[in-house]
Amino acid sequence: MMRNVVGNQLAAWLLGILSIVCTSSRAMADGGRLVRVERTHGWIVSIFAAPDPPRVGPIDVSVLVQEEASGTVVANAEIAVTLTSQSDPSISLSAPASREQATNKLLQSALLVAPSPGDWLGTLHCSAGSEEAEIPFALRVDAAPPAWTKIAPWFLWPLAAAAVFVAHRTLGRKRIAF
């Protein structure tokens, strides 16, 4: 009887760990990877990029502007983000940042679609009241992931279920002692 309980507990742990591992890429509650922090005009400006690493396709550039003295969020900051390809300066992307686009409402987010991999030079234009700042940052954009990676979980989940079943059956066998 004790062996059956241990087998059930192990199967539950394996199922829990498997579910965490399989869904962890979707659990993104932050603004992405921190790209740059700049202190200017009495502000602390933090720039984030998601996904991590940035890849060809949609890139979310999120910005947090705080007052340096108190750490409170500057709510009235107007932000625009520009990305320029260093390999082809004629390719330039620009978008305003807003809280409506951001998942984390402390941040302002701009969605840009990178057409090619390589090194990109970003510029953040920030203004609040009479103060204005222009903050440069570098961004390395990797190639897009293979198309099969988007559909792989739909084909691989039965294998994970079968592995849990086999583990349960193997650990749950009753052994007869002679």
Protein backbone atom coordinates (compact mmCIF):
# COMPACT_ATOMS: atom_id res chain seq x y z
CA MET A 1 0.00 0.00 0.00
CA MET A 2 2.81 2.40 0.92
CA ARG A 3 4.49 1.78 -2.45
CA ASN A 4 1.29 2.80 -4.27
CA VAL A 5 1.10 6.09 -2.34
CA VAL A 6 4.72 6.90 -3.16
CA GLY A 7 4.09 6.11 -6.83
CA ASN A 8 1.04 8.38 -6.90
CA GLN A 9 2.97 11.19 -5.21
CA LEU A 10 5.84 10.84 -7.68
CA ALA A 11 3.43 10.86 -10.63
CA ALA A 12 1.76 14.01 -9.25
CA TRP A 13 5.15 15.72 -8.85
CA LEU A 14 6.18 14.76 -12.39
CA LEU A 15 2.89 16.05 -13.78
CA GLY A 16 3.29 19.33 -11.84
CA ILE A 17 6.87 19.88 -13.02
CA LEU A 18 5.92 19.01 -16.59
CA SER A 19 3.04 21.50 -16.59
CA ILE A 20 5.30 24.26 -15.24
CA VAL A 21 8.01 23.58 -17.82
CA CYS A 22 5.55 23.41 -20.72
CA THR A 23 3.80 26.69 -19.85
CA SER A 24 6.73 28.76 -18.56
CA SER A 25 7.40 30.55 -21.85
CA ARG A 26 3.92 32.10 -21.72
CA ALA A 27 4.27 33.41 -18.17
CA MET A 28 5.68 36.83 -18.99
CA ALA A 29 4.54 39.44 -16.52
CA ASP A 30 7.40 41.87 -16.97
CA GLY A 31 8.49 44.17 -19.77
CA GLY A 32 11.22 41.83 -21.02
CA ARG A 33 15.00 42.09 -20.80
CA LEU A 34 16.48 45.29 -19.41
CA VAL A 35 18.31 46.99 -22.27
CA ARG A 36 19.36 50.31 -20.72
CA VAL A 37 18.93 52.46 -17.61
CA GLU A 38 19.64 56.17 -17.89
CA ARG A 39 19.51 58.96 -15.31
CA THR A 40 18.68 62.25 -16.97
CA HIS A 41 16.73 65.44 -16.17
CA GLY A 42 15.86 64.15 -12.70
CA TRP A 43 14.39 60.93 -14.16
CA ILE A 44 15.37 57.30 -14.15
CA VAL A 45 14.49 55.88 -17.56
CA SER A 46 14.51 52.07 -17.92
CA ILE A 47 14.19 50.47 -21.36
CA PHE A 48 13.08 46.84 -21.78
CA ALA A 49 12.81 44.64 -24.89
CA ALA A 50 10.70 41.50 -25.36
CA PRO A 51 10.97 38.75 -26.44
CA ASP A 52 14.30 37.80 -24.95
CA PRO A 53 16.33 37.61 -27.11
CA PRO A 54 14.70 40.02 -29.57
CA ARG A 55 13.95 38.25 -32.85
CA VAL A 56 12.81 39.18 -36.34
CA GLY A 57 9.13 40.04 -36.14
CA PRO A 58 7.26 41.93 -33.44
CA ILE A 59 9.44 43.46 -30.72
CA ASP A 60 7.89 45.10 -27.69
CA VAL A 61 10.03 48.01 -26.42
CA SER A 62 8.73 49.02 -23.00
CA VAL A 63 9.79 52.09 -21.01
CA LEU A 64 9.53 53.00 -17.35
CA VAL A 65 10.08 56.67 -16.48
CA GLN A 66 10.45 57.45 -12.77
CA GLU A 67 11.27 60.57 -10.79
CA GLU A 68 14.81 60.14 -9.51
CA ALA A 69 14.16 61.65 -6.09
CA SER A 70 11.02 59.73 -5.12
CA GLY A 71 10.91 56.78 -7.52
CA THR A 72 7.31 57.53 -8.52
CA VAL A 73 6.24 56.87 -12.09
CA VAL A 74 6.07 59.91 -14.37
CA ALA A 75 2.52 59.44 -15.67
CA ASN A 76 2.47 62.28 -18.21
CA ALA A 77 5.62 61.26 -20.11
CA GLU A 78 5.27 61.18 -23.88
CA ILE A 79 7.51 58.52 -25.39
CA ALA A 80 8.43 57.52 -28.94
CA VAL A 81 10.84 54.76 -29.95
CA THR A 82 12.90 54.61 -33.14
CA LEU A 83 14.99 51.65 -34.34
CA THR A 84 17.48 52.00 -37.20
CA SER A 85 19.32 49.08 -38.77
CA GLN A 86 23.08 49.51 -38.53
CA SER A 87 23.66 47.33 -41.61
CA ASP A 88 21.15 49.31 -43.72
CA PRO A 89 20.48 52.81 -42.29
CA SER A 90 17.64 53.28 -44.78
CA ILE A 91 15.57 50.83 -42.68
CA SER A 92 14.10 52.75 -39.78
CA LEU A 93 11.12 51.86 -37.58
CA SER A 94 9.29 54.27 -35.30
CA ALA A 95 6.29 54.04 -32.98
CA PRO A 96 4.81 55.95 -30.05
CA ALA A 97 4.68 54.21 -26.69
CA SER A 98 1.48 54.01 -24.67
CA ARG A 99 0.13 52.37 -21.55
CA GLU A 100 -2.77 50.84 -23.51
CA GLN A 101 -0.35 48.57 -25.40
CA ALA A 102 1.60 47.58 -22.28
CA THR A 103 0.84 44.45 -20.27
CA ASN A 104 2.34 46.05 -17.15
CA LYS A 105 0.49 49.35 -16.74
CA LEU A 106 3.49 51.01 -15.02
CA LEU A 107 5.28 50.80 -18.36
CA GLN A 108 4.64 52.41 -21.71
CA SER A 109 5.04 50.09 -24.66
CA ALA A 110 5.79 50.50 -28.35
CA LEU A 111 5.38 47.59 -30.76
CA LEU A 112 7.88 47.55 -33.64
CA VAL A 113 8.25 44.86 -36.32
CA ALA A 114 11.89 44.14 -37.15
CA PRO A 115 12.21 42.93 -40.77
CA SER A 116 15.77 41.59 -40.55
CA PRO A 117 18.29 40.29 -38.02
CA GLY A 118 21.39 42.22 -37.00
CA ASP A 119 22.45 45.12 -34.84
CA TRP A 120 19.94 47.95 -34.46
CA LEU A 121 20.45 51.37 -32.94
CA GLY A 122 17.49 52.52 -30.89
CA THR A 123 16.59 56.02 -29.83
CA LEU A 124 14.08 56.81 -27.12
CA HIS A 125 12.47 60.25 -27.28
CA CYS A 126 10.95 61.21 -23.94
CA SER A 127 9.26 64.43 -22.88
CA ALA A 128 7.34 65.42 -19.77
CA GLY A 129 6.40 69.00 -19.03
CA SER A 130 9.21 71.26 -20.26
CA GLU A 131 11.89 68.54 -20.05
CA GLU A 132 12.99 66.46 -23.04
CA ALA A 133 15.49 63.62 -23.32
CA GLU A 134 16.86 61.52 -26.14
CA ILE A 135 18.39 58.23 -25.01
CA PRO A 136 20.28 55.91 -27.40
CA PHE A 137 20.37 52.16 -26.87
CA ALA A 138 21.67 49.16 -28.79
CA LEU A 139 19.57 46.13 -29.68
CA ARG A 140 20.75 42.85 -31.22
CA VAL A 141 17.94 41.20 -33.20
CA ASP A 142 18.30 37.47 -33.85
CA ALA A 143 16.82 35.49 -36.73
CA ALA A 144 13.22 34.34 -36.42
CA PRO A 145 12.72 30.95 -34.78
CA PRO A 146 11.88 28.03 -37.06
CA ALA A 147 8.18 27.79 -37.88
CA TRP A 148 7.88 24.31 -36.35
CA THR A 149 8.57 25.66 -32.84
CA LYS A 150 5.13 27.30 -32.78
CA ILE A 151 3.29 24.05 -33.45
CA ALA A 152 5.63 21.62 -31.65
CA PRO A 153 3.76 21.74 -28.30
CA TRP A 154 0.59 20.52 -30.03
CA PHE A 155 2.41 17.42 -31.26
CA LEU A 156 4.60 16.79 -28.20
CA TRP A 157 2.01 16.92 -25.41
CA PRO A 158 0.81 13.35 -26.04
CA LEU A 159 4.39 12.14 -25.51
CA ALA A 160 4.49 13.90 -22.14
CA ALA A 161 1.17 12.32 -21.14
CA ALA A 162 2.46 8.89 -22.21
CA ALA A 163 5.63 9.40 -20.14
CA VAL A 164 3.59 10.21 -17.04
CA PHE A 165 1.43 7.12 -17.67
CA VAL A 166 4.47 4.85 -18.08
CA ALA A 167 6.07 6.29 -14.92
CA HIS A 168 2.87 5.71 -12.98
CA ARG A 169 2.48 2.13 -14.24
CA THR A 170 6.15 1.32 -13.59
CA LEU A 171 6.19 2.71 -10.07
CA GLY A 172 2.76 1.34 -9.20
CA ARG A 173 3.49 -2.33 -9.92
CA LYS A 174 2.96 -4.68 -7.04
CA ARG A 175 5.82 -7.04 -6.47
CA ILE A 176 5.15 -10.48 -5.11
CA ALA A 177 7.68 -11.77 -2.60
CA PHE A 178 8.33 -15.54 -2.46
